[in-house]
Amino acid sequence: MPDSDEKREAFESFDRLEQRVIRLIKLFAELKEENRKLKEQRTVGGDVSDGEVKEVLNLIKDKVKNLLNMLDEIGI
């Protein structure tokens, strides 16, 4: 049977994991919104420059890398 220190550590570990998962969910929602805005810009206005598209794509790429790193950290 785990002692109180082990239980406390387990709860703290779970809390950290829960916070990371919440952060991942928020990051995913941000990525979806960025993607939606980019699609809207491309369909509504043809005045989006290649530089702007590349900038947004790089931002999304960086966020996806962060998302994958966080998933790796929590063992998924």
C-alpha atoms as a PDB file:
ATOM      1  CA  MET A   1       0.000   0.000   0.000  1.00  0.00           C
ATOM      2  CA  PRO A   2       1.483   3.392  -0.963  1.00  0.00           C
ATOM      3  CA  ASP A   3       2.373   5.709   1.884  1.00  0.00           C
ATOM      4  CA  SER A   4       1.179   9.304   2.103  1.00  0.00           C
ATOM      5  CA  ASP A   5       4.323  10.696   0.395  1.00  0.00           C
ATOM      6  CA  GLU A   6       3.834   8.386  -2.580  1.00  0.00           C
ATOM      7  CA  LYS A   7       0.163   9.347  -2.792  1.00  0.00           C
ATOM      8  CA  ARG A   8       1.039  13.054  -2.641  1.00  0.00           C
ATOM      9  CA  GLU A   9       3.665  12.620  -5.378  1.00  0.00           C
ATOM     10  CA  ALA A  10       1.178  10.702  -7.510  1.00  0.00           C
ATOM     11  CA  PHE A  11      -1.428  13.451  -7.129  1.00  0.00           C
ATOM     12  CA  GLU A  12       1.138  16.156  -7.916  1.00  0.00           C
ATOM     13  CA  SER A  13       2.269  14.225 -10.976  1.00  0.00           C
ATOM     14  CA  PHE A  14      -1.335  13.835 -12.098  1.00  0.00           C
ATOM     15  CA  ASP A  15      -1.962  17.563 -11.589  1.00  0.00           C
ATOM     16  CA  ARG A  16       1.058  18.417 -13.766  1.00  0.00           C
ATOM     17  CA  LEU A  17      -0.139  16.002 -16.434  1.00  0.00           C
ATOM     18  CA  GLU A  18      -3.627  17.491 -16.299  1.00  0.00           C
ATOM     19  CA  GLN A  19      -2.228  21.018 -16.748  1.00  0.00           C
ATOM     20  CA  ARG A  20      -0.194  19.876 -19.763  1.00  0.00           C
ATOM     21  CA  VAL A  21      -3.233  18.252 -21.335  1.00  0.00           C
ATOM     22  CA  ILE A  22      -5.264  21.434 -20.785  1.00  0.00           C
ATOM     23  CA  ARG A  23      -2.451  23.433 -22.377  1.00  0.00           C
ATOM     24  CA  LEU A  24      -2.373  21.035 -25.350  1.00  0.00           C
ATOM     25  CA  ILE A  25      -6.116  21.386 -25.834  1.00  0.00           C
ATOM     26  CA  LYS A  26      -5.838  25.188 -25.790  1.00  0.00           C
ATOM     27  CA  LEU A  27      -2.927  25.070 -28.240  1.00  0.00           C
ATOM     28  CA  PHE A  28      -4.895  22.790 -30.558  1.00  0.00           C
ATOM     29  CA  ALA A  29      -7.868  25.182 -30.441  1.00  0.00           C
ATOM     30  CA  GLU A  30      -5.542  28.081 -31.299  1.00  0.00           C
ATOM     31  CA  LEU A  31      -4.148  26.133 -34.249  1.00  0.00           C
ATOM     32  CA  LYS A  32      -7.637  25.373 -35.522  1.00  0.00           C
ATOM     33  CA  GLU A  33      -8.556  29.063 -35.275  1.00  0.00           C
ATOM     34  CA  GLU A  34      -5.352  30.134 -37.082  1.00  0.00           C
ATOM     35  CA  ASN A  35      -6.105  27.617 -39.821  1.00  0.00           C
ATOM     36  CA  ARG A  36      -9.700  28.837 -40.118  1.00  0.00           C
ATOM     37  CA  LYS A  37      -8.539  32.455 -40.409  1.00  0.00           C
ATOM     38  CA  LEU A  38      -5.967  31.538 -43.022  1.00  0.00           C
ATOM     39  CA  LYS A  39      -8.549  29.654 -45.082  1.00  0.00           C
ATOM     40  CA  GLU A  40     -10.943  32.579 -44.766  1.00  0.00           C
ATOM     41  CA  GLN A  41      -8.291  35.030 -45.947  1.00  0.00           C
ATOM     42  CA  ARG A  42      -7.416  32.876 -48.917  1.00  0.00           C
ATOM     43  CA  THR A  43     -11.033  32.473 -50.023  1.00  0.00           C
ATOM     44  CA  VAL A  44     -12.309  35.972 -49.217  1.00  0.00           C
ATOM     45  CA  GLY A  45      -9.420  38.122 -50.280  1.00  0.00           C
ATOM     46  CA  GLY A  46      -6.805  37.393 -52.829  1.00  0.00           C
ATOM     47  CA  ASP A  47      -4.693  40.143 -51.341  1.00  0.00           C
ATOM     48  CA  VAL A  48      -2.792  37.869 -48.959  1.00  0.00           C
ATOM     49  CA  SER A  49       0.880  38.012 -49.768  1.00  0.00           C
ATOM     50  CA  ASP A  50       3.096  34.955 -50.017  1.00  0.00           C
ATOM     51  CA  GLY A  51       5.107  36.336 -47.103  1.00  0.00           C
ATOM     52  CA  GLU A  52       2.019  36.457 -44.891  1.00  0.00           C
ATOM     53  CA  VAL A  53       1.077  32.914 -45.833  1.00  0.00           C
ATOM     54  CA  LYS A  54       4.609  31.690 -45.095  1.00  0.00           C
ATOM     55  CA  GLU A  55       4.609  33.532 -41.771  1.00  0.00           C
ATOM     56  CA  VAL A  56       1.358  31.889 -40.678  1.00  0.00           C
ATOM     57  CA  LEU A  57       2.495  28.488 -41.910  1.00  0.00           C
ATOM     58  CA  ASN A  58       5.738  28.830 -39.962  1.00  0.00           C
ATOM     59  CA  LEU A  59       3.768  29.810 -36.866  1.00  0.00           C
ATOM     60  CA  ILE A  60       1.529  26.776 -37.258  1.00  0.00           C
ATOM     61  CA  LYS A  61       4.554  24.565 -37.878  1.00  0.00           C
ATOM     62  CA  ASP A  62       6.194  25.815 -34.661  1.00  0.00           C
ATOM     63  CA  LYS A  63       3.008  25.270 -32.673  1.00  0.00           C
ATOM     64  CA  VAL A  64       2.644  21.743 -34.044  1.00  0.00           C
ATOM     65  CA  LYS A  65       6.262  21.003 -33.067  1.00  0.00           C
ATOM     66  CA  ASN A  66       5.525  22.279 -29.557  1.00  0.00           C
ATOM     67  CA  LEU A  67       2.388  20.159 -29.446  1.00  0.00           C
ATOM     68  CA  LEU A  68       4.324  17.047 -30.495  1.00  0.00           C
ATOM     69  CA  ASN A  69       7.057  17.762 -27.949  1.00  0.00           C
ATOM     70  CA  MET A  70       4.475  18.123 -25.200  1.00  0.00           C
ATOM     71  CA  LEU A  71       2.813  14.862 -26.228  1.00  0.00           C
ATOM     72  CA  ASP A  72       6.213  13.194 -26.161  1.00  0.00           C
ATOM     73  CA  GLU A  73       6.869  14.592 -22.675  1.00  0.00           C
ATOM     74  CA  ILE A  74       3.695  13.046 -21.311  1.00  0.00           C
ATOM     75  CA  GLY A  75       4.364   9.752 -23.054  1.00  0.00           C
ATOM     76  CA  ILE A  76       1.695   9.802 -25.750  1.00  0.00           C
END
